[in-house]
Amino acid sequence: MKAEELHKNSEIAREQDRHIDALKLIEEALVKYQKEKNYEGFAKALQSRVLIYKHLFLLSADEVFAILAQKDAEASLEVTQEHNLTNILCSCYFRIGEIASILDDYPKAIDSYQKSLDLYEGTKAEEGDYRYHLGTVLYMGGEKEKGKKTMLQGLKEIQNNRNQVDSFVANVWESGCYMRLAEVLWKDEPGEAKRYLKLAEKIIKSDKRLIIRKRQWQKLASSFK
């Protein structure tokens, strides 16, 4: 099996919540990418492993997985810079920001997400995903007004440009934004937070492929009771 196919199958396994299978597949992909000297594929595979470790951390609360995710995010950036892979530099900073966020390092998360947005050149829909992540850490870092405004701007970009990406991806991003809005607004604006939680539920119920989102939504909804 080629590296690209192993990589794709790993991401499918991850989205199905089969994280151990996903890890095995991405390890094989990394070895094959390295043998082929496909360093862009290698850096992207490291970023995929970041997400696997991130989900394992969120499931287990074991910081070992967060440390592994952080190291892979940093390694992906180093490989990208070493081989001048400027087209994926933005996603490197995005993953670094993502892990800084779950470790509550908001200054680093804000800086990394801002760098990823400054470098971004893809679809407006994905740019919205990047933007709402930045808004989330701005809010959690104390810049509440700016953070909420940035999150809502990102949400609008996703909604207005859904046709640019696969419906599954658009649903992941839109439901994720609603859930983060619900999470950050819960103490300050509980009524609005409940509304966003309902909107996320509606999307998740409409798409059976959102296995991880469904589990995450259930956990979030339970924490609000």
Protein backbone atom coordinates (compact mmCIF):
# COMPACT_ATOMS: atom_id res chain seq x y z
CA MET A 1 0.00 0.00 0.00
CA LYS A 2 1.35 3.45 -0.94
CA ALA A 3 2.07 6.12 1.64
CA GLU A 4 -0.80 8.33 0.44
CA GLU A 5 -3.30 5.50 0.79
CA LEU A 6 -2.06 4.57 4.26
CA HIS A 7 -2.32 8.23 5.23
CA LYS A 8 -5.88 8.51 3.90
CA ASN A 9 -6.94 5.30 5.67
CA SER A 10 -5.43 6.59 8.91
CA GLU A 11 -7.53 9.75 8.70
CA ILE A 12 -10.66 7.69 7.99
CA ALA A 13 -9.92 5.52 11.06
CA ARG A 14 -9.40 8.64 13.18
CA GLU A 15 -12.75 10.12 12.13
CA GLN A 16 -14.37 6.80 13.07
CA ASP A 17 -12.84 7.06 16.57
CA ARG A 18 -10.49 4.12 15.87
CA HIS A 19 -7.40 5.89 17.13
CA ILE A 20 -5.13 2.88 17.67
CA ASP A 21 -5.77 1.74 14.11
CA ALA A 22 -5.14 5.29 12.95
CA LEU A 23 -1.80 5.38 14.77
CA LYS A 24 -0.62 2.12 13.20
CA LEU A 25 -1.52 3.32 9.71
CA ILE A 26 0.10 6.73 10.10
CA GLU A 27 3.32 5.12 11.40
CA GLU A 28 3.49 3.05 8.21
CA ALA A 29 2.78 6.12 6.11
CA LEU A 30 5.55 8.11 7.81
CA VAL A 31 8.11 5.37 7.09
CA LYS A 32 7.10 5.16 3.43
CA TYR A 33 7.05 8.94 2.98
CA GLN A 34 10.59 9.09 4.39
CA LYS A 35 11.83 6.31 2.09
CA GLU A 36 10.32 8.18 -0.87
CA LYS A 37 11.86 11.45 0.40
CA ASN A 38 8.36 12.92 0.16
CA TYR A 39 8.87 15.49 2.89
CA GLU A 40 5.61 17.32 2.27
CA GLY A 41 3.72 14.06 2.78
CA PHE A 42 5.87 13.36 5.85
CA ALA A 43 5.10 16.77 7.39
CA LYS A 44 1.38 16.37 6.68
CA ALA A 45 1.42 12.88 8.23
CA LEU A 46 3.01 14.33 11.37
CA GLN A 47 0.13 16.81 11.51
CA SER A 48 -2.33 13.93 11.18
CA ARG A 49 -0.66 12.20 14.11
CA VAL A 50 -1.01 15.45 16.09
CA LEU A 51 -4.79 15.08 15.76
CA ILE A 52 -4.73 11.42 16.81
CA TYR A 53 -2.74 12.26 19.94
CA LYS A 54 -5.01 15.24 20.58
CA HIS A 55 -8.11 13.03 20.57
CA LEU A 56 -6.39 10.45 22.80
CA PHE A 57 -5.53 13.22 25.24
CA LEU A 58 -9.10 14.52 25.28
CA LEU A 59 -10.40 10.98 25.84
CA SER A 60 -7.92 10.00 28.57
CA ALA A 61 -6.83 13.34 30.12
CA ASP A 62 -3.31 11.84 30.08
CA GLU A 63 -0.88 14.71 29.38
CA VAL A 64 1.57 12.29 27.78
CA PHE A 65 -0.60 12.40 24.65
CA ALA A 66 -0.64 16.22 24.70
CA ILE A 67 3.17 16.24 24.92
CA LEU A 68 3.41 13.84 21.97
CA ALA A 69 1.00 16.01 19.98
CA GLN A 70 3.03 19.11 20.79
CA LYS A 71 6.30 17.46 19.71
CA ASP A 72 4.81 16.26 16.43
CA ALA A 73 3.41 19.73 15.69
CA GLU A 74 6.85 21.25 16.29
CA ALA A 75 8.54 18.53 14.21
CA SER A 76 6.16 19.18 11.32
CA LEU A 77 7.13 22.86 11.39
CA GLU A 78 10.84 22.02 11.47
CA VAL A 79 10.55 19.63 8.50
CA THR A 80 8.52 22.21 6.59
CA GLN A 81 11.07 24.95 7.21
CA GLU A 82 14.03 22.67 6.46
CA HIS A 83 12.60 21.76 3.04
CA ASN A 84 11.07 25.18 2.30
CA LEU A 85 7.52 23.81 2.04
CA THR A 86 5.89 27.22 2.22
CA ASN A 87 2.51 25.94 0.99
CA ILE A 88 1.88 24.00 4.21
CA LEU A 89 3.50 26.41 6.66
CA CYS A 90 0.10 27.80 7.67
CA SER A 91 -1.18 24.38 8.73
CA CYS A 92 1.95 23.82 10.82
CA TYR A 93 1.24 26.93 12.87
CA PHE A 94 -2.44 25.95 13.07
CA ARG A 95 -1.58 22.60 14.69
CA ILE A 96 0.84 24.28 17.10
CA GLY A 97 -1.95 26.68 18.06
CA GLU A 98 -4.40 23.81 18.47
CA ILE A 99 -2.21 22.01 20.99
CA ALA A 100 -1.29 25.21 22.82
CA SER A 101 -5.03 25.81 23.17
CA ILE A 102 -5.78 22.46 24.83
CA LEU A 103 -2.83 23.07 27.17
CA ASP A 104 -4.36 26.49 28.08
CA ASP A 105 -1.34 28.36 26.73
CA TYR A 106 -3.47 31.12 25.20
CA PRO A 107 -0.69 33.62 24.31
CA LYS A 108 1.09 30.92 22.28
CA ALA A 109 -2.19 29.72 20.76
CA ILE A 110 -3.15 33.28 19.73
CA ASP A 111 0.28 33.91 18.19
CA SER A 112 0.28 30.60 16.30
CA TYR A 113 -3.29 30.91 15.00
CA GLN A 114 -2.60 34.48 13.87
CA LYS A 115 0.49 33.32 11.99
CA SER A 116 -1.52 30.55 10.32
CA LEU A 117 -4.15 33.08 9.19
CA ASP A 118 -1.52 35.52 7.92
CA LEU A 119 -0.03 32.74 5.76
CA TYR A 120 -3.32 31.16 4.65
CA GLU A 121 -4.09 31.04 0.91
CA GLY A 122 -6.80 28.36 0.60
CA THR A 123 -10.60 28.37 0.48
CA LYS A 124 -12.67 30.96 2.33
CA ALA A 125 -14.49 28.11 4.08
CA GLU A 126 -11.32 26.76 5.68
CA GLU A 127 -10.18 30.29 6.43
CA GLY A 128 -13.35 30.57 8.50
CA ASP A 129 -12.32 27.47 10.41
CA TYR A 130 -8.91 29.02 11.11
CA ARG A 131 -10.55 32.29 12.16
CA TYR A 132 -13.01 30.82 14.66
CA HIS A 133 -10.17 28.94 16.32
CA LEU A 134 -8.32 32.22 16.74
CA GLY A 135 -11.48 33.82 18.13
CA THR A 136 -11.87 31.01 20.66
CA VAL A 137 -8.45 31.50 22.20
CA LEU A 138 -8.83 35.29 22.13
CA TYR A 139 -12.02 34.89 24.19
CA MET A 140 -10.48 32.36 26.56
CA GLY A 141 -7.39 34.54 26.90
CA GLY A 142 -9.50 37.45 28.15
CA GLU A 143 -10.28 39.40 24.95
CA LYS A 144 -13.93 38.42 25.08
CA GLU A 145 -15.51 41.02 22.78
CA LYS A 146 -12.87 40.62 20.09
CA GLY A 147 -12.90 36.86 20.50
CA LYS A 148 -16.65 36.48 20.04
CA LYS A 149 -16.65 38.83 17.05
CA THR A 150 -13.83 36.83 15.44
CA MET A 151 -15.61 33.52 16.06
CA LEU A 152 -18.84 34.79 14.48
CA GLN A 153 -16.89 36.10 11.50
CA GLY A 154 -15.32 32.68 11.05
CA LEU A 155 -18.71 31.00 11.31
CA LYS A 156 -20.13 33.27 8.60
CA GLU A 157 -17.18 32.48 6.32
CA ILE A 158 -17.81 28.76 6.72
CA GLN A 159 -21.55 29.09 6.11
CA ASN A 160 -21.20 31.37 3.09
CA ASN A 161 -18.61 29.15 1.40
CA ARG A 162 -19.76 25.61 2.22
CA ASN A 163 -19.82 24.69 -1.47
CA GLN A 164 -16.03 25.06 -1.62
CA VAL A 165 -15.44 21.89 0.45
CA ASP A 166 -16.94 18.46 1.07
CA SER A 167 -20.18 18.58 3.08
CA PHE A 168 -18.65 16.42 5.82
CA VAL A 169 -15.79 18.87 6.30
CA ALA A 170 -18.13 21.86 6.28
CA ASN A 171 -20.34 20.16 8.88
CA VAL A 172 -17.31 19.40 11.06
CA TRP A 173 -16.24 23.04 10.97
CA GLU A 174 -19.68 24.60 11.43
CA SER A 175 -20.73 22.29 14.27
CA GLY A 176 -17.32 22.77 15.88
CA CYS A 177 -17.72 26.54 15.82
CA TYR A 178 -21.19 26.34 17.36
CA MET A 179 -19.86 24.08 20.11
CA ARG A 180 -16.94 26.37 20.92
CA LEU A 181 -19.31 29.35 21.02
CA ALA A 182 -21.51 27.43 23.44
CA GLU A 183 -18.52 26.48 25.56
CA VAL A 184 -16.97 29.95 25.88
CA LEU A 185 -20.28 31.78 26.32
CA TRP A 186 -21.76 29.41 28.89
CA LYS A 187 -20.91 31.50 31.97
CA ASP A 188 -21.35 34.94 30.41
CA GLU A 189 -24.34 34.37 28.10
CA PRO A 190 -25.99 31.02 29.00
CA GLY A 191 -29.10 31.62 26.89
CA GLU A 192 -27.06 32.22 23.76
CA ALA A 193 -24.78 29.32 24.63
CA LYS A 194 -27.77 26.95 24.75
CA ARG A 195 -28.91 28.19 21.34
CA TYR A 196 -25.52 27.44 19.80
CA LEU A 197 -25.47 24.02 21.44
CA LYS A 198 -28.83 23.24 19.80
CA LEU A 199 -27.60 24.43 16.41
CA ALA A 200 -24.57 22.14 16.72
CA GLU A 201 -26.85 19.22 17.64
CA LYS A 202 -29.00 19.83 14.55
CA ILE A 203 -25.98 19.56 12.24
CA ILE A 204 -24.62 16.48 14.02
CA LYS A 205 -27.97 14.69 13.80
CA SER A 206 -28.15 15.46 10.08
CA ASP A 207 -24.80 13.78 9.27
CA LYS A 208 -24.09 10.26 10.56
CA ARG A 209 -20.44 10.65 9.60
CA LEU A 210 -19.86 13.07 12.50
CA ILE A 211 -18.94 10.30 14.94
CA ILE A 212 -16.35 12.27 16.91
CA ARG A 213 -18.47 15.42 16.92
CA LYS A 214 -21.40 13.45 18.33
CA ARG A 215 -19.29 12.16 21.21
CA GLN A 216 -17.85 15.61 21.83
CA TRP A 217 -21.30 17.20 21.75
CA GLN A 218 -22.66 14.68 24.28
CA LYS A 219 -19.77 15.41 26.64
CA LEU A 220 -20.22 19.17 26.29
CA ALA A 221 -24.00 18.99 26.76
CA SER A 222 -23.52 16.82 29.85
CA SER A 223 -21.11 19.35 31.36
CA PHE A 224 -23.77 22.07 31.09
CA LYS A 225 -26.33 20.20 33.20
